[in-house]
Amino acid sequence: MTVEPHEVTTVARRPIVGADKPRTLAEYQADLIRRFGKVPSWAELAKRENGARLKANGVSTMSRDQWDKTGHSEEAIAKIVEASKRRGEINMRRAVEALTDMMTVADLIQASGMPKTTVRVALDRALEAGLVVRGRIKNVIVWERRLEAAE
């Protein structure tokens, strides 16, 4: 058997898996018309399919205009932002309270019971607020409460 291009007379097509998939071009186009109301261009189709895949994975692809049309007001957005800030402050306080001595992040994770990312963000916020001090002992980063914050 030869695979020279000038001797090949048929094209092998990979079979479409599943009975719900269209088998011919007309069936494929009918499915697109049913889904989108027309046969979109390849660019439009790729954009729509990628958007559907992102939404299925929990990623929002809404623009600001689309978000405004959903009825979410500026007050609702401000409430979400405020709640996030409160959670951040609570986590920061929990991390600072769990600091009993010089501790590494791993020690603090065990003491506080919070996830690693939450502890790291809380420590960074506490450092910016001046509640903790970061140092190094034998090339290991340790965290300690500030004396003023402990009192």
N, C-alpha and C. Protein backbone atom coordinates (compact mmCIF):
# COMPACT_ATOMS: atom_id res chain seq x y z
N MET A 1 0.85 -1.18 0.00
CA MET A 1 0.00 0.00 0.00
C MET A 1 0.89 1.23 0.00
N THR A 2 0.56 2.17 -0.83
CA THR A 2 1.33 3.39 -0.95
C THR A 2 0.54 4.57 -0.41
N VAL A 3 1.25 5.54 0.11
CA VAL A 3 0.58 6.74 0.62
C VAL A 3 1.07 7.98 -0.11
N GLU A 4 1.54 7.81 -1.32
CA GLU A 4 1.96 8.96 -2.11
C GLU A 4 0.73 9.80 -2.43
N PRO A 5 0.83 11.13 -2.35
CA PRO A 5 -0.34 11.98 -2.55
C PRO A 5 -1.00 11.82 -3.90
N HIS A 6 -0.23 11.61 -4.96
CA HIS A 6 -0.85 11.51 -6.29
C HIS A 6 -1.55 10.17 -6.49
N GLU A 7 -1.32 9.17 -5.61
CA GLU A 7 -1.96 7.87 -5.76
C GLU A 7 -3.14 7.68 -4.81
N VAL A 8 -3.35 8.61 -3.91
CA VAL A 8 -4.45 8.48 -2.97
C VAL A 8 -5.72 8.97 -3.65
N THR A 9 -6.76 8.14 -3.63
CA THR A 9 -8.01 8.51 -4.32
C THR A 9 -9.14 8.81 -3.35
N THR A 10 -9.00 8.44 -2.09
CA THR A 10 -10.06 8.71 -1.12
C THR A 10 -9.49 9.47 0.06
N VAL A 11 -10.37 10.13 0.74
CA VAL A 11 -9.98 10.88 1.92
C VAL A 11 -10.58 10.17 3.13
N ALA A 12 -9.75 9.88 4.11
CA ALA A 12 -10.24 9.23 5.32
C ALA A 12 -10.82 10.29 6.25
N ARG A 13 -12.03 10.04 6.71
CA ARG A 13 -12.67 10.95 7.65
C ARG A 13 -12.82 10.24 8.97
N ARG A 14 -12.51 10.95 10.03
CA ARG A 14 -12.70 10.40 11.35
C ARG A 14 -14.19 10.35 11.64
N PRO A 15 -14.70 9.23 12.09
CA PRO A 15 -16.15 9.16 12.34
C PRO A 15 -16.55 10.06 13.51
N ILE A 16 -17.73 10.64 13.39
CA ILE A 16 -18.26 11.48 14.46
C ILE A 16 -18.89 10.57 15.50
N VAL A 17 -18.48 10.76 16.75
CA VAL A 17 -18.96 9.90 17.82
C VAL A 17 -20.28 10.42 18.34
N GLY A 18 -21.22 9.53 18.55
CA GLY A 18 -22.50 9.92 19.14
C GLY A 18 -23.58 10.03 18.08
N ALA A 19 -24.75 9.57 18.42
CA ALA A 19 -25.85 9.60 17.47
C ALA A 19 -26.45 10.99 17.33
N ASP A 20 -26.20 11.86 18.28
CA ASP A 20 -26.79 13.20 18.24
C ASP A 20 -26.02 14.16 17.33
N LYS A 21 -24.85 13.77 16.86
CA LYS A 21 -24.04 14.63 15.99
C LYS A 21 -24.54 14.53 14.55
N PRO A 22 -24.61 15.65 13.83
CA PRO A 22 -25.05 15.60 12.43
C PRO A 22 -24.03 14.85 11.56
N ARG A 23 -24.52 14.15 10.58
CA ARG A 23 -23.66 13.35 9.72
C ARG A 23 -23.35 14.02 8.39
N THR A 24 -24.18 14.90 7.92
CA THR A 24 -23.94 15.57 6.64
C THR A 24 -23.83 17.07 6.87
N LEU A 25 -23.38 17.79 5.84
CA LEU A 25 -23.27 19.24 5.92
C LEU A 25 -24.63 19.89 6.16
N ALA A 26 -25.65 19.38 5.48
CA ALA A 26 -27.00 19.94 5.64
C ALA A 26 -27.49 19.76 7.08
N GLU A 27 -27.23 18.58 7.67
CA GLU A 27 -27.64 18.36 9.05
C GLU A 27 -26.85 19.27 10.00
N TYR A 28 -25.57 19.46 9.72
CA TYR A 28 -24.73 20.34 10.54
C TYR A 28 -25.24 21.78 10.47
N GLN A 29 -25.55 22.24 9.24
CA GLN A 29 -26.06 23.60 9.08
C GLN A 29 -27.43 23.75 9.73
N ALA A 30 -28.28 22.73 9.64
CA ALA A 30 -29.60 22.79 10.27
C ALA A 30 -29.44 22.92 11.79
N ASP A 31 -28.47 22.21 12.36
CA ASP A 31 -28.21 22.30 13.79
C ASP A 31 -27.76 23.71 14.17
N LEU A 32 -26.88 24.31 13.35
CA LEU A 32 -26.42 25.68 13.62
C LEU A 32 -27.57 26.68 13.52
N ILE A 33 -28.42 26.51 12.53
CA ILE A 33 -29.56 27.41 12.36
C ILE A 33 -30.50 27.27 13.56
N ARG A 34 -30.70 26.04 14.03
CA ARG A 34 -31.55 25.83 15.20
C ARG A 34 -30.95 26.50 16.44
N ARG A 35 -29.62 26.40 16.60
CA ARG A 35 -28.97 26.95 17.79
C ARG A 35 -28.80 28.46 17.74
N PHE A 36 -28.40 29.00 16.57
CA PHE A 36 -28.03 30.41 16.49
C PHE A 36 -28.94 31.26 15.62
N GLY A 37 -29.87 30.64 14.91
CA GLY A 37 -30.77 31.38 14.04
C GLY A 37 -30.20 31.64 12.65
N LYS A 38 -28.96 31.26 12.42
CA LYS A 38 -28.30 31.42 11.12
C LYS A 38 -27.08 30.53 11.11
N VAL A 39 -26.43 30.47 9.96
CA VAL A 39 -25.16 29.76 9.88
C VAL A 39 -24.07 30.81 10.10
N PRO A 40 -23.43 30.83 11.28
CA PRO A 40 -22.43 31.85 11.55
C PRO A 40 -21.13 31.58 10.80
N SER A 41 -20.32 32.63 10.69
CA SER A 41 -19.00 32.44 10.08
C SER A 41 -18.15 31.62 11.03
N TRP A 42 -17.00 31.15 10.52
CA TRP A 42 -16.11 30.35 11.37
C TRP A 42 -15.64 31.17 12.58
N ALA A 43 -15.35 32.45 12.37
CA ALA A 43 -14.88 33.30 13.47
C ALA A 43 -15.98 33.45 14.53
N GLU A 44 -17.21 33.70 14.08
CA GLU A 44 -18.33 33.82 15.02
C GLU A 44 -18.56 32.52 15.77
N LEU A 45 -18.50 31.42 15.03
CA LEU A 45 -18.74 30.12 15.63
C LEU A 45 -17.68 29.80 16.68
N ALA A 46 -16.42 30.09 16.38
CA ALA A 46 -15.34 29.85 17.34
C ALA A 46 -15.54 30.71 18.58
N LYS A 47 -15.92 31.98 18.37
CA LYS A 47 -16.14 32.87 19.50
C LYS A 47 -17.28 32.36 20.38
N ARG A 48 -18.37 31.91 19.76
CA ARG A 48 -19.51 31.42 20.53
C ARG A 48 -19.18 30.12 21.25
N GLU A 49 -18.50 29.21 20.57
CA GLU A 49 -18.15 27.93 21.19
C GLU A 49 -17.18 28.13 22.34
N ASN A 50 -16.18 29.01 22.17
CA ASN A 50 -15.23 29.28 23.25
C ASN A 50 -15.93 29.94 24.42
N GLY A 51 -16.84 30.86 24.15
CA GLY A 51 -17.59 31.51 25.21
C GLY A 51 -18.43 30.51 25.99
N ALA A 52 -19.07 29.58 25.28
CA ALA A 52 -19.88 28.55 25.95
C ALA A 52 -19.00 27.65 26.80
N ARG A 53 -17.80 27.32 26.31
CA ARG A 53 -16.88 26.47 27.06
C ARG A 53 -16.40 27.20 28.31
N LEU A 54 -16.11 28.51 28.19
CA LEU A 54 -15.66 29.27 29.35
C LEU A 54 -16.76 29.38 30.40
N LYS A 55 -17.99 29.59 29.95
CA LYS A 55 -19.10 29.69 30.90
C LYS A 55 -19.32 28.35 31.60
N ALA A 56 -19.14 27.25 30.86
CA ALA A 56 -19.31 25.93 31.47
C ALA A 56 -18.24 25.69 32.54
N ASN A 57 -17.08 26.30 32.36
CA ASN A 57 -16.00 26.14 33.33
C ASN A 57 -16.06 27.17 34.45
N GLY A 58 -17.10 28.01 34.46
CA GLY A 58 -17.28 28.97 35.54
C GLY A 58 -16.59 30.30 35.32
N VAL A 59 -16.13 30.59 34.11
CA VAL A 59 -15.46 31.85 33.82
C VAL A 59 -16.48 32.78 33.18
N SER A 60 -16.62 33.95 33.72
CA SER A 60 -17.57 34.91 33.17
C SER A 60 -16.95 35.64 32.00
N THR A 61 -17.67 35.70 30.90
CA THR A 61 -17.18 36.40 29.72
C THR A 61 -18.01 37.65 29.44
N MET A 62 -18.78 38.10 30.43
CA MET A 62 -19.64 39.25 30.21
C MET A 62 -18.84 40.55 30.22
N SER A 63 -19.17 41.41 29.27
CA SER A 63 -18.58 42.74 29.27
C SER A 63 -19.33 43.60 30.29
N ARG A 64 -18.83 44.81 30.50
CA ARG A 64 -19.48 45.71 31.45
C ARG A 64 -20.90 46.05 31.00
N ASP A 65 -21.09 46.25 29.69
CA ASP A 65 -22.43 46.57 29.18
C ASP A 65 -23.39 45.40 29.39
N GLN A 66 -22.92 44.18 29.13
CA GLN A 66 -23.76 43.01 29.34
C GLN A 66 -24.10 42.86 30.82
N TRP A 67 -23.10 43.11 31.70
CA TRP A 67 -23.33 43.00 33.13
C TRP A 67 -24.39 44.00 33.58
N ASP A 68 -24.34 45.24 33.04
CA ASP A 68 -25.32 46.25 33.41
C ASP A 68 -26.73 45.85 32.97
N LYS A 69 -26.83 45.13 31.84
CA LYS A 69 -28.14 44.72 31.34
C LYS A 69 -28.74 43.59 32.18
N THR A 70 -27.95 42.91 32.99
CA THR A 70 -28.48 41.82 33.80
C THR A 70 -29.25 42.32 35.01
N GLY A 71 -29.19 43.63 35.29
CA GLY A 71 -29.94 44.19 36.40
C GLY A 71 -29.13 44.33 37.67
N HIS A 72 -27.85 44.00 37.62
CA HIS A 72 -27.01 44.18 38.80
C HIS A 72 -26.65 45.66 38.91
N SER A 73 -27.03 46.25 40.00
CA SER A 73 -26.82 47.68 40.16
C SER A 73 -25.45 47.94 40.78
N GLU A 74 -25.06 49.19 40.78
CA GLU A 74 -23.80 49.58 41.40
C GLU A 74 -23.82 49.28 42.90
N GLU A 75 -25.01 49.39 43.52
CA GLU A 75 -25.12 49.09 44.95
C GLU A 75 -24.83 47.61 45.22
N ALA A 76 -25.34 46.74 44.36
CA ALA A 76 -25.10 45.30 44.53
C ALA A 76 -23.62 44.98 44.37
N ILE A 77 -22.99 45.60 43.39
CA ILE A 77 -21.55 45.39 43.17
C ILE A 77 -20.77 45.91 44.37
N ALA A 78 -21.17 47.08 44.89
CA ALA A 78 -20.49 47.65 46.05
C ALA A 78 -20.64 46.74 47.28
N LYS A 79 -21.80 46.10 47.43
CA LYS A 79 -22.01 45.18 48.55
C LYS A 79 -21.08 43.97 48.44
N ILE A 80 -20.92 43.46 47.23
CA ILE A 80 -20.03 42.31 47.01
C ILE A 80 -18.60 42.68 47.35
N VAL A 81 -18.17 43.86 46.91
CA VAL A 81 -16.81 44.32 47.19
C VAL A 81 -16.61 44.52 48.68
N GLU A 82 -17.60 45.11 49.34
CA GLU A 82 -17.50 45.35 50.79
C GLU A 82 -17.45 44.03 51.57
N ALA A 83 -18.25 43.07 51.17
CA ALA A 83 -18.23 41.76 51.83
C ALA A 83 -16.87 41.09 51.66
N SER A 84 -16.27 41.25 50.49
CA SER A 84 -14.95 40.68 50.25
C SER A 84 -13.90 41.33 51.15
N LYS A 85 -13.99 42.65 51.31
CA LYS A 85 -13.05 43.35 52.19
C LYS A 85 -13.21 42.90 53.64
N ARG A 86 -14.47 42.72 54.07
CA ARG A 86 -14.71 42.26 55.44
C ARG A 86 -14.13 40.88 55.67
N ARG A 87 -14.32 39.97 54.69
CA ARG A 87 -13.74 38.63 54.83
C ARG A 87 -12.23 38.71 54.91
N GLY A 88 -11.63 39.60 54.10
CA GLY A 88 -10.19 39.77 54.14
C GLY A 88 -9.71 40.27 55.49
N GLU A 89 -10.45 41.21 56.08
CA GLU A 89 -10.07 41.73 57.40
C GLU A 89 -10.23 40.67 58.48
N ILE A 90 -11.28 39.88 58.39
CA ILE A 90 -11.49 38.81 59.37
C ILE A 90 -10.37 37.79 59.27
N ASN A 91 -10.00 37.40 58.05
CA ASN A 91 -8.91 36.44 57.86
C ASN A 91 -7.59 37.02 58.37
N MET A 92 -7.39 38.32 58.15
CA MET A 92 -6.16 38.96 58.62
C MET A 92 -6.10 38.90 60.15
N ARG A 93 -7.22 39.21 60.82
CA ARG A 93 -7.25 39.14 62.28
C ARG A 93 -7.02 37.73 62.79
N ARG A 94 -7.63 36.74 62.11
CA ARG A 94 -7.43 35.34 62.52
C ARG A 94 -5.97 34.94 62.40
N ALA A 95 -5.32 35.37 61.32
CA ALA A 95 -3.91 35.02 61.12
C ALA A 95 -3.04 35.69 62.18
N VAL A 96 -3.31 36.96 62.49
CA VAL A 96 -2.51 37.67 63.49
C VAL A 96 -2.73 37.06 64.88
N GLU A 97 -3.97 36.68 65.19
CA GLU A 97 -4.25 36.07 66.49
C GLU A 97 -3.57 34.71 66.62
N ALA A 98 -3.43 33.99 65.50
CA ALA A 98 -2.81 32.67 65.55
C ALA A 98 -1.29 32.76 65.69
N LEU A 99 -0.71 33.93 65.41
CA LEU A 99 0.74 34.10 65.56
C LEU A 99 1.08 34.22 67.04
N THR A 100 1.53 33.14 67.64
CA THR A 100 1.87 33.16 69.06
C THR A 100 3.36 33.38 69.28
N ASP A 101 4.15 33.03 68.28
CA ASP A 101 5.60 33.13 68.37
C ASP A 101 6.08 33.35 66.94
N MET A 102 7.39 33.29 66.73
CA MET A 102 7.88 33.34 65.35
C MET A 102 7.41 32.06 64.64
N MET A 103 6.68 32.23 63.54
CA MET A 103 6.10 31.08 62.86
C MET A 103 6.32 31.18 61.36
N THR A 104 6.44 30.03 60.73
CA THR A 104 6.47 29.98 59.27
C THR A 104 5.04 29.91 58.77
N VAL A 105 4.86 30.01 57.46
CA VAL A 105 3.52 29.92 56.88
C VAL A 105 2.92 28.55 57.18
N ALA A 106 3.72 27.49 57.08
CA ALA A 106 3.22 26.14 57.37
C ALA A 106 2.75 26.02 58.81
N ASP A 107 3.49 26.61 59.75
CA ASP A 107 3.07 26.58 61.15
C ASP A 107 1.76 27.33 61.33
N LEU A 108 1.63 28.44 60.65
CA LEU A 108 0.42 29.26 60.77
C LEU A 108 -0.79 28.57 60.14
N ILE A 109 -0.56 27.82 59.08
CA ILE A 109 -1.65 27.06 58.46
C ILE A 109 -2.19 26.04 59.45
N GLN A 110 -1.30 25.35 60.14
CA GLN A 110 -1.73 24.38 61.15
C GLN A 110 -2.43 25.06 62.32
N ALA A 111 -1.90 26.18 62.77
CA ALA A 111 -2.47 26.85 63.94
C ALA A 111 -3.83 27.48 63.65
N SER A 112 -3.99 28.04 62.45
CA SER A 112 -5.23 28.75 62.15
C SER A 112 -6.27 27.89 61.47
N GLY A 113 -5.84 26.84 60.75
CA GLY A 113 -6.78 25.99 60.03
C GLY A 113 -7.25 26.60 58.71
N MET A 114 -6.61 27.68 58.29
CA MET A 114 -6.98 28.33 57.03
C MET A 114 -6.14 27.76 55.89
N PRO A 115 -6.63 27.86 54.66
CA PRO A 115 -5.86 27.40 53.51
C PRO A 115 -4.60 28.24 53.28
N LYS A 116 -3.65 27.68 52.56
CA LYS A 116 -2.36 28.32 52.34
C LYS A 116 -2.50 29.69 51.67
N THR A 117 -3.31 29.77 50.64
CA THR A 117 -3.47 31.04 49.92
C THR A 117 -4.08 32.10 50.83
N THR A 118 -5.06 31.72 51.62
CA THR A 118 -5.71 32.66 52.53
C THR A 118 -4.72 33.18 53.56
N VAL A 119 -3.89 32.28 54.09
CA VAL A 119 -2.89 32.70 55.08
C VAL A 119 -1.89 33.66 54.45
N ARG A 120 -1.43 33.36 53.25
CA ARG A 120 -0.46 34.24 52.59
C ARG A 120 -1.04 35.63 52.34
N VAL A 121 -2.25 35.69 51.83
CA VAL A 121 -2.89 36.99 51.57
C VAL A 121 -3.11 37.74 52.88
N ALA A 122 -3.57 37.02 53.91
CA ALA A 122 -3.81 37.66 55.21
C ALA A 122 -2.51 38.21 55.80
N LEU A 123 -1.41 37.46 55.66
CA LEU A 123 -0.13 37.95 56.18
C LEU A 123 0.37 39.17 55.40
N ASP A 124 0.16 39.15 54.09
CA ASP A 124 0.56 40.32 53.29
C ASP A 124 -0.24 41.56 53.69
N ARG A 125 -1.55 41.38 53.92
CA ARG A 125 -2.38 42.51 54.37
C ARG A 125 -1.95 42.99 55.76
N ALA A 126 -1.65 42.05 56.65
CA ALA A 126 -1.22 42.42 57.99
C ALA A 126 0.13 43.13 57.95
N LEU A 127 1.00 42.73 57.05
CA LEU A 127 2.29 43.39 56.90
C LEU A 127 2.11 44.82 56.42
N GLU A 128 1.20 45.02 55.46
CA GLU A 128 0.91 46.37 54.97
C GLU A 128 0.30 47.24 56.07
N ALA A 129 -0.51 46.62 56.93
CA ALA A 129 -1.15 47.36 58.01
C ALA A 129 -0.22 47.57 59.19
N GLY A 130 0.96 46.94 59.17
CA GLY A 130 1.93 47.11 60.24
C GLY A 130 1.65 46.27 61.47
N LEU A 131 0.89 45.19 61.31
CA LEU A 131 0.56 44.34 62.44
C LEU A 131 1.57 43.22 62.67
N VAL A 132 2.29 42.84 61.62
CA VAL A 132 3.27 41.75 61.72
C VAL A 132 4.60 42.19 61.13
N VAL A 133 5.63 41.41 61.45
CA VAL A 133 6.97 41.65 60.93
C VAL A 133 7.42 40.37 60.24
N ARG A 134 8.05 40.52 59.09
CA ARG A 134 8.58 39.37 58.37
C ARG A 134 10.09 39.35 58.53
N GLY A 135 10.64 38.19 58.81
CA GLY A 135 12.08 38.07 58.96
C GLY A 135 12.58 36.77 58.37
N ARG A 136 13.89 36.58 58.45
CA ARG A 136 14.50 35.34 57.94
C ARG A 136 15.39 34.76 59.02
N ILE A 137 15.26 33.47 59.20
CA ILE A 137 16.17 32.73 60.07
C ILE A 137 16.68 31.55 59.26
N LYS A 138 17.98 31.55 59.00
CA LYS A 138 18.61 30.49 58.20
C LYS A 138 17.87 30.27 56.89
N ASN A 139 17.62 31.35 56.19
CA ASN A 139 16.99 31.35 54.87
C ASN A 139 15.54 30.84 54.88
N VAL A 140 14.88 30.87 56.02
CA VAL A 140 13.47 30.51 56.13
C VAL A 140 12.71 31.75 56.56
N ILE A 141 11.64 32.07 55.85
CA ILE A 141 10.84 33.25 56.18
C ILE A 141 9.98 32.94 57.39
N VAL A 142 10.06 33.80 58.40
CA VAL A 142 9.24 33.66 59.60
C VAL A 142 8.44 34.94 59.80
N TRP A 143 7.31 34.79 60.46
CA TRP A 143 6.42 35.90 60.73
C TRP A 143 6.26 36.04 62.24
N GLU A 144 6.13 37.29 62.69
CA GLU A 144 5.99 37.55 64.12
C GLU A 144 5.09 38.76 64.30
N ARG A 145 4.31 38.75 65.38
CA ARG A 145 3.47 39.92 65.67
C ARG A 145 4.36 41.10 66.06
N ARG A 146 3.92 42.29 65.72
CA ARG A 146 4.62 43.48 66.23
C ARG A 146 4.27 43.63 67.69
N LEU A 147 5.19 44.15 68.45
CA LEU A 147 4.94 44.30 69.89
C LEU A 147 3.77 45.23 70.15
N GLU A 148 3.65 46.30 69.35
CA GLU A 148 2.53 47.24 69.54
C GLU A 148 1.20 46.57 69.22
N ALA A 149 1.20 45.65 68.23
CA ALA A 149 -0.05 44.99 67.83
C ALA A 149 -0.46 43.95 68.85
N ALA A 150 0.51 43.36 69.57
CA ALA A 150 0.19 42.32 70.55
C ALA A 150 -0.48 42.90 71.79
N GLU A 151 -0.22 44.15 72.09
CA GLU A 151 -0.77 44.75 73.32
C GLU A 151 -2.14 45.31 73.12
